[in-house]
Amino acid sequence: MQLVNSAGLSEMLTGVAGDLRWELTTEVVVPTPTARPVAGERRLYALGDESLAYATELALPGADFAPHLNAALRRS
């Protein structure tokens, strides 16, 4: 999957997509000249009891992945 975001990054992601869980990891990052330096990203999407959870981890150049964003949408 290829993703281009408003932060100026174009990413090629690969991973596993199941019925209730998707796990994606960046294979290639191509930044624009003004983009923040990012070496990679991991994304997790999971469906549970009436909810959709989302979490991302970012790796800066020369560093390991660290938590970045997460959220959960719950059906009411």
PDB file of N, CA and C in Angstrom:
ATOM      1  N   MET A   1       0.839  -1.153   0.000  1.00  0.00           N
ATOM      2  CA  MET A   1       0.000   0.000   0.000  1.00  0.00           C
ATOM      3  C   MET A   1       0.894   1.228   0.000  1.00  0.00           C
ATOM      4  N   GLN A   2       0.519   2.231  -0.775  1.00  0.00           N
ATOM      5  CA  GLN A   2       1.266   3.482  -0.779  1.00  0.00           C
ATOM      6  C   GLN A   2       0.397   4.563  -0.153  1.00  0.00           C
ATOM      7  N   LEU A   3       1.003   5.390   0.678  1.00  0.00           N
ATOM      8  CA  LEU A   3       0.303   6.441   1.391  1.00  0.00           C
ATOM      9  C   LEU A   3       1.094   7.729   1.249  1.00  0.00           C
ATOM     10  N   VAL A   4       0.417   8.807   0.902  1.00  0.00           N
ATOM     11  CA  VAL A   4       1.028  10.131   0.876  1.00  0.00           C
ATOM     12  C   VAL A   4       0.253  10.970   1.876  1.00  0.00           C
ATOM     13  N   ASN A   5       0.953  11.609   2.814  1.00  0.00           N
ATOM     14  CA  ASN A   5       0.241  12.355   3.853  1.00  0.00           C
ATOM     15  C   ASN A   5       0.565  13.842   3.805  1.00  0.00           C
ATOM     16  N   SER A   6      -0.158  14.614   4.603  1.00  0.00           N
ATOM     17  CA  SER A   6      -0.002  16.070   4.605  1.00  0.00           C
ATOM     18  C   SER A   6       1.295  16.530   5.272  1.00  0.00           C
ATOM     19  N   ALA A   7       2.017  15.619   5.930  1.00  0.00           N
ATOM     20  CA  ALA A   7       3.302  15.963   6.549  1.00  0.00           C
ATOM     21  C   ALA A   7       4.439  15.951   5.530  1.00  0.00           C
ATOM     22  N   GLY A   8       4.132  15.638   4.276  1.00  0.00           N
ATOM     23  CA  GLY A   8       5.148  15.656   3.232  1.00  0.00           C
ATOM     24  C   GLY A   8       5.892  14.347   3.058  1.00  0.00           C
ATOM     25  N   LEU A   9       5.285  13.236   3.482  1.00  0.00           N
ATOM     26  CA  LEU A   9       5.917  11.925   3.351  1.00  0.00           C
ATOM     27  C   LEU A   9       5.126  11.045   2.405  1.00  0.00           C
ATOM     28  N   SER A  10       5.840  10.339   1.557  1.00  0.00           N
ATOM     29  CA  SER A  10       5.259   9.291   0.741  1.00  0.00           C
ATOM     30  C   SER A  10       5.832   7.982   1.273  1.00  0.00           C
ATOM     31  N   GLU A  11       4.955   7.053   1.663  1.00  0.00           N
ATOM     32  CA  GLU A  11       5.402   5.809   2.285  1.00  0.00           C
ATOM     33  C   GLU A  11       4.860   4.598   1.536  1.00  0.00           C
ATOM     34  N   MET A  12       5.682   3.588   1.421  1.00  0.00           N
ATOM     35  CA  MET A  12       5.255   2.285   0.923  1.00  0.00           C
ATOM     36  C   MET A  12       5.163   1.377   2.141  1.00  0.00           C
ATOM     37  N   LEU A  13       3.966   0.847   2.419  1.00  0.00           N
ATOM     38  CA  LEU A  13       3.733   0.023   3.598  1.00  0.00           C
ATOM     39  C   LEU A  13       3.414  -1.409   3.183  1.00  0.00           C
ATOM     40  N   THR A  14       3.903  -2.367   3.960  1.00  0.00           N
ATOM     41  CA  THR A  14       3.563  -3.771   3.754  1.00  0.00           C
ATOM     42  C   THR A  14       3.147  -4.343   5.097  1.00  0.00           C
ATOM     43  N   GLY A  15       2.457  -5.468   5.064  1.00  0.00           N
ATOM     44  CA  GLY A  15       2.065  -6.084   6.325  1.00  0.00           C
ATOM     45  C   GLY A  15       1.036  -7.163   6.144  1.00  0.00           C
ATOM     46  N   VAL A  16       0.295  -7.382   7.218  1.00  0.00           N
ATOM     47  CA  VAL A  16      -0.696  -8.446   7.273  1.00  0.00           C
ATOM     48  C   VAL A  16      -2.067  -7.828   7.506  1.00  0.00           C
ATOM     49  N   ALA A  17      -3.028  -8.213   6.685  1.00  0.00           N
ATOM     50  CA  ALA A  17      -4.404  -7.753   6.850  1.00  0.00           C
ATOM     51  C   ALA A  17      -5.280  -8.971   7.117  1.00  0.00           C
ATOM     52  N   GLY A  18      -5.893  -8.987   8.286  1.00  0.00           N
ATOM     53  CA  GLY A  18      -6.788 -10.075   8.645  1.00  0.00           C
ATOM     54  C   GLY A  18      -8.216  -9.573   8.732  1.00  0.00           C
ATOM     55  N   ASP A  19      -9.097 -10.391   9.257  1.00  0.00           N
ATOM     56  CA  ASP A  19     -10.495  -9.991   9.385  1.00  0.00           C
ATOM     57  C   ASP A  19     -10.682  -8.896  10.433  1.00  0.00           C
ATOM     58  N   LEU A  20      -9.965  -8.977  11.550  1.00  0.00           N
ATOM     59  CA  LEU A  20     -10.162  -8.031  12.644  1.00  0.00           C
ATOM     60  C   LEU A  20      -8.930  -7.211  12.977  1.00  0.00           C
ATOM     61  N   ARG A  21      -7.820  -7.417  12.247  1.00  0.00           N
ATOM     62  CA  ARG A  21      -6.572  -6.742  12.611  1.00  0.00           C
ATOM     63  C   ARG A  21      -5.701  -6.524  11.373  1.00  0.00           C
ATOM     64  N   TRP A  22      -5.171  -5.329  11.230  1.00  0.00           N
ATOM     65  CA  TRP A  22      -4.203  -5.003  10.179  1.00  0.00           C
ATOM     66  C   TRP A  22      -2.946  -4.503  10.862  1.00  0.00           C
ATOM     67  N   GLU A  23      -1.789  -5.022  10.457  1.00  0.00           N
ATOM     68  CA  GLU A  23      -0.500  -4.547  10.955  1.00  0.00           C
ATOM     69  C   GLU A  23       0.357  -4.178   9.747  1.00  0.00           C
ATOM     70  N   LEU A  24       0.752  -2.915   9.657  1.00  0.00           N
ATOM     71  CA  LEU A  24       1.503  -2.400   8.514  1.00  0.00           C
ATOM     72  C   LEU A  24       2.815  -1.779   8.986  1.00  0.00           C
ATOM     73  N   THR A  25       3.876  -1.958   8.199  1.00  0.00           N
ATOM     74  CA  THR A  25       5.187  -1.388   8.500  1.00  0.00           C
ATOM     75  C   THR A  25       5.737  -0.733   7.242  1.00  0.00           C
ATOM     76  N   THR A  26       6.382   0.405   7.411  1.00  0.00           N
ATOM     77  CA  THR A  26       6.982   1.121   6.292  1.00  0.00           C
ATOM     78  C   THR A  26       8.150   0.326   5.703  1.00  0.00           C
ATOM     79  N   GLU A  27       8.164   0.222   4.407  1.00  0.00           N
ATOM     80  CA  GLU A  27       9.300  -0.376   3.690  1.00  0.00           C
ATOM     81  C   GLU A  27      10.190   0.716   3.114  1.00  0.00           C
ATOM     82  N   VAL A  28       9.562   1.794   2.625  1.00  0.00           N
ATOM     83  CA  VAL A  28      10.305   2.900   2.006  1.00  0.00           C
ATOM     84  C   VAL A  28       9.625   4.213   2.389  1.00  0.00           C
ATOM     85  N   VAL A  29      10.419   5.236   2.728  1.00  0.00           N
ATOM     86  CA  VAL A  29       9.910   6.583   3.001  1.00  0.00           C
ATOM     87  C   VAL A  29      10.593   7.544   2.042  1.00  0.00           C
ATOM     88  N   VAL A  30       9.791   8.357   1.357  1.00  0.00           N
ATOM     89  CA  VAL A  30      10.333   9.386   0.463  1.00  0.00           C
ATOM     90  C   VAL A  30       9.784  10.729   0.937  1.00  0.00           C
ATOM     91  N   PRO A  31      10.630  11.573   1.548  1.00  0.00           N
ATOM     92  CA  PRO A  31      10.154  12.867   2.063  1.00  0.00           C
ATOM     93  C   PRO A  31      10.246  13.974   1.014  1.00  0.00           C
ATOM     94  N   THR A  32       9.419  14.996   1.195  1.00  0.00           N
ATOM     95  CA  THR A  32       9.604  16.230   0.433  1.00  0.00           C
ATOM     96  C   THR A  32      10.721  17.013   1.118  1.00  0.00           C
ATOM     97  N   PRO A  33      11.254  18.055   0.496  1.00  0.00           N
ATOM     98  CA  PRO A  33      12.351  18.808   1.117  1.00  0.00           C
ATOM     99  C   PRO A  33      11.999  19.432   2.475  1.00  0.00           C
ATOM    100  N   THR A  34      10.717  19.707   2.730  1.00  0.00           N
ATOM    101  CA  THR A  34      10.323  20.358   3.983  1.00  0.00           C
ATOM    102  C   THR A  34       9.761  19.379   5.023  1.00  0.00           C
ATOM    103  N   ALA A  35       9.742  18.099   4.729  1.00  0.00           N
ATOM    104  CA  ALA A  35       9.177  17.104   5.651  1.00  0.00           C
ATOM    105  C   ALA A  35      10.088  16.855   6.848  1.00  0.00           C
ATOM    106  N   ARG A  36       9.484  16.511   7.964  1.00  0.00           N
ATOM    107  CA  ARG A  36      10.231  16.103   9.159  1.00  0.00           C
ATOM    108  C   ARG A  36      10.940  14.788   8.863  1.00  0.00           C
ATOM    109  N   PRO A  37      12.184  14.612   9.299  1.00  0.00           N
ATOM    110  CA  PRO A  37      12.877  13.350   9.013  1.00  0.00           C
ATOM    111  C   PRO A  37      12.230  12.175   9.766  1.00  0.00           C
ATOM    112  N   VAL A  38      11.794  11.173   9.020  1.00  0.00           N
ATOM    113  CA  VAL A  38      11.192   9.961   9.581  1.00  0.00           C
ATOM    114  C   VAL A  38      11.814   8.767   8.877  1.00  0.00           C
ATOM    115  N   ALA A  39      12.294   7.795   9.643  1.00  0.00           N
ATOM    116  CA  ALA A  39      12.903   6.604   9.050  1.00  0.00           C
ATOM    117  C   ALA A  39      11.881   5.508   8.778  1.00  0.00           C
ATOM    118  N   GLY A  40      10.761   5.506   9.530  1.00  0.00           N
ATOM    119  CA  GLY A  40       9.756   4.470   9.330  1.00  0.00           C
ATOM    120  C   GLY A  40       8.561   4.662  10.230  1.00  0.00           C
ATOM    121  N   GLU A  41       7.514   3.896   9.939  1.00  0.00           N
ATOM    122  CA  GLU A  41       6.285   3.964  10.707  1.00  0.00           C
ATOM    123  C   GLU A  41       5.677   2.570  10.794  1.00  0.00           C
ATOM    124  N   ARG A  42       5.078   2.275  11.932  1.00  0.00           N
ATOM    125  CA  ARG A  42       4.300   1.046  12.083  1.00  0.00           C
ATOM    126  C   ARG A  42       2.881   1.465  12.445  1.00  0.00           C
ATOM    127  N   ARG A  43       1.899   0.779  11.838  1.00  0.00           N
ATOM    128  CA  ARG A  43       0.490   1.083  12.097  1.00  0.00           C
ATOM    129  C   ARG A  43      -0.245  -0.185  12.478  1.00  0.00           C
ATOM    130  N   LEU A  44      -1.171  -0.055  13.402  1.00  0.00           N
ATOM    131  CA  LEU A  44      -2.024  -1.162  13.807  1.00  0.00           C
ATOM    132  C   LEU A  44      -3.460  -0.668  13.799  1.00  0.00           C
ATOM    133  N   TYR A  45      -4.325  -1.419  13.141  1.00  0.00           N
ATOM    134  CA  TYR A  45      -5.766  -1.184  13.160  1.00  0.00           C
ATOM    135  C   TYR A  45      -6.398  -2.474  13.666  1.00  0.00           C
ATOM    136  N   ALA A  46      -7.321  -2.376  14.623  1.00  0.00           N
ATOM    137  CA  ALA A  46      -7.951  -3.578  15.163  1.00  0.00           C
ATOM    138  C   ALA A  46      -9.421  -3.308  15.469  1.00  0.00           C
ATOM    139  N   LEU A  47     -10.270  -4.251  15.079  1.00  0.00           N
ATOM    140  CA  LEU A  47     -11.693  -4.191  15.411  1.00  0.00           C
ATOM    141  C   LEU A  47     -11.949  -5.067  16.619  1.00  0.00           C
ATOM    142  N   GLY A  48     -12.707  -4.534  17.588  1.00  0.00           N
ATOM    143  CA  GLY A  48     -13.040  -5.303  18.781  1.00  0.00           C
ATOM    144  C   GLY A  48     -14.519  -5.162  19.072  1.00  0.00           C
ATOM    145  N   ASP A  49     -14.869  -5.365  20.310  1.00  0.00           N
ATOM    146  CA  ASP A  49     -16.262  -5.220  20.740  1.00  0.00           C
ATOM    147  C   ASP A  49     -16.750  -3.793  20.514  1.00  0.00           C
ATOM    148  N   GLU A  50     -17.460  -3.576  19.428  1.00  0.00           N
ATOM    149  CA  GLU A  50     -18.043  -2.265  19.138  1.00  0.00           C
ATOM    150  C   GLU A  50     -17.021  -1.133  19.075  1.00  0.00           C
ATOM    151  N   SER A  51     -15.754  -1.433  18.702  1.00  0.00           N
ATOM    152  CA  SER A  51     -14.753  -0.370  18.622  1.00  0.00           C
ATOM    153  C   SER A  51     -13.733  -0.647  17.519  1.00  0.00           C
ATOM    154  N   LEU A  52     -13.123   0.420  17.060  1.00  0.00           N
ATOM    155  CA  LEU A  52     -12.014   0.360  16.115  1.00  0.00           C
ATOM    156  C   LEU A  52     -10.843   1.055  16.784  1.00  0.00           C
ATOM    157  N   ALA A  53      -9.731   0.348  16.990  1.00  0.00           N
ATOM    158  CA  ALA A  53      -8.544   0.919  17.618  1.00  0.00           C
ATOM    159  C   ALA A  53      -7.477   1.174  16.562  1.00  0.00           C
ATOM    160  N   TYR A  54      -6.703   2.234  16.774  1.00  0.00           N
ATOM    161  CA  TYR A  54      -5.665   2.656  15.838  1.00  0.00           C
ATOM    162  C   TYR A  54      -4.445   3.083  16.655  1.00  0.00           C
ATOM    163  N   ALA A  55      -3.275   2.641  16.258  1.00  0.00           N
ATOM    164  CA  ALA A  55      -2.045   3.063  16.936  1.00  0.00           C
ATOM    165  C   ALA A  55      -0.926   3.166  15.909  1.00  0.00           C
ATOM    166  N   THR A  56      -0.059   4.171  16.090  1.00  0.00           N
ATOM    167  CA  THR A  56       1.116   4.300  15.226  1.00  0.00           C
ATOM    168  C   THR A  56       2.360   4.469  16.082  1.00  0.00           C
ATOM    169  N   GLU A  57       3.463   4.006  15.526  1.00  0.00           N
ATOM    170  CA  GLU A  57       4.787   4.216  16.107  1.00  0.00           C
ATOM    171  C   GLU A  57       5.660   4.812  15.015  1.00  0.00           C
ATOM    172  N   LEU A  58       6.497   5.774  15.369  1.00  0.00           N
ATOM    173  CA  LEU A  58       7.429   6.379  14.412  1.00  0.00           C
ATOM    174  C   LEU A  58       8.861   6.068  14.812  1.00  0.00           C
ATOM    175  N   ALA A  59       9.714   5.934  13.805  1.00  0.00           N
ATOM    176  CA  ALA A  59      11.157   5.794  14.024  1.00  0.00           C
ATOM    177  C   ALA A  59      11.828   6.991  13.365  1.00  0.00           C
ATOM    178  N   LEU A  60      12.550   7.752  14.167  1.00  0.00           N
ATOM    179  CA  LEU A  60      13.349   8.845  13.629  1.00  0.00           C
ATOM    180  C   LEU A  60      14.676   8.270  13.165  1.00  0.00           C
ATOM    181  N   PRO A  61      15.384   8.930  12.250  1.00  0.00           N
ATOM    182  CA  PRO A  61      16.662   8.397  11.774  1.00  0.00           C
ATOM    183  C   PRO A  61      17.607   8.073  12.940  1.00  0.00           C
ATOM    184  N   GLY A  62      18.133   6.872  12.953  1.00  0.00           N
ATOM    185  CA  GLY A  62      19.064   6.434  13.983  1.00  0.00           C
ATOM    186  C   GLY A  62      18.425   6.012  15.293  1.00  0.00           C
ATOM    187  N   ALA A  63      17.084   5.953  15.353  1.00  0.00           N
ATOM    188  CA  ALA A  63      16.394   5.587  16.598  1.00  0.00           C
ATOM    189  C   ALA A  63      15.412   4.445  16.342  1.00  0.00           C
ATOM    190  N   ASP A  64      15.010   3.775  17.430  1.00  0.00           N
ATOM    191  CA  ASP A  64      14.014   2.710  17.346  1.00  0.00           C
ATOM    192  C   ASP A  64      12.613   3.313  17.260  1.00  0.00           C
ATOM    193  N   PHE A  65      11.636   2.458  16.963  1.00  0.00           N
ATOM    194  CA  PHE A  65      10.244   2.883  16.941  1.00  0.00           C
ATOM    195  C   PHE A  65       9.809   3.330  18.337  1.00  0.00           C
ATOM    196  N   ALA A  66       9.002   4.393  18.390  1.00  0.00           N
ATOM    197  CA  ALA A  66       8.457   4.898  19.646  1.00  0.00           C
ATOM    198  C   ALA A  66       6.985   5.249  19.420  1.00  0.00           C
ATOM    199  N   PRO A  67       6.135   5.121  20.449  1.00  0.00           N
ATOM    200  CA  PRO A  67       4.716   5.459  20.289  1.00  0.00           C
ATOM    201  C   PRO A  67       4.545   6.884  19.770  1.00  0.00           C
ATOM    202  N   HIS A  68       3.536   7.056  18.893  1.00  0.00           N
ATOM    203  CA  HIS A  68       3.288   8.371  18.296  1.00  0.00           C
ATOM    204  C   HIS A  68       1.831   8.797  18.495  1.00  0.00           C
ATOM    205  N   LEU A  69       0.897   8.079  17.911  1.00  0.00           N
ATOM    206  CA  LEU A  69      -0.530   8.409  18.001  1.00  0.00           C
ATOM    207  C   LEU A  69      -1.328   7.159  18.300  1.00  0.00           C
ATOM    208  N   ASN A  70      -2.468   7.315  18.990  1.00  0.00           N
ATOM    209  CA  ASN A  70      -3.414   6.213  19.125  1.00  0.00           C
ATOM    210  C   ASN A  70      -4.792   6.780  19.405  1.00  0.00           C
ATOM    211  N   ALA A  71      -5.802   6.011  19.047  1.00  0.00           N
ATOM    212  CA  ALA A  71      -7.188   6.432  19.254  1.00  0.00           C
ATOM    213  C   ALA A  71      -8.082   5.204  19.200  1.00  0.00           C
ATOM    214  N   ALA A  72      -9.286   5.376  19.683  1.00  0.00           N
ATOM    215  CA  ALA A  72     -10.290   4.312  19.595  1.00  0.00           C
ATOM    216  C   ALA A  72     -11.636   4.962  19.302  1.00  0.00           C
ATOM    217  N   LEU A  73     -12.331   4.423  18.345  1.00  0.00           N
ATOM    218  CA  LEU A  73     -13.692   4.852  18.036  1.00  0.00           C
ATOM    219  C   LEU A  73     -14.639   3.803  18.584  1.00  0.00           C
ATOM    220  N   ARG A  74     -15.592   4.239  19.370  1.00  0.00           N
ATOM    221  CA  ARG A  74     -16.537   3.311  19.970  1.00  0.00           C
ATOM    222  C   ARG A  74     -17.952   3.583  19.469  1.00  0.00           C
ATOM    223  N   ARG A  75     -18.650   2.522  19.145  1.00  0.00           N
ATOM    224  CA  ARG A  75     -20.036   2.639  18.709  1.00  0.00           C
ATOM    225  C   ARG A  75     -20.913   2.853  19.948  1.00  0.00           C
ATOM    226  N   SER A  76     -21.792   3.851  19.891  1.00  0.00           N
ATOM    227  CA  SER A  76     -22.646   4.093  21.054  1.00  0.00           C
ATOM    228  C   SER A  76     -24.096   3.753  20.761  1.00  0.00           C
TER     229      SER A  76
END
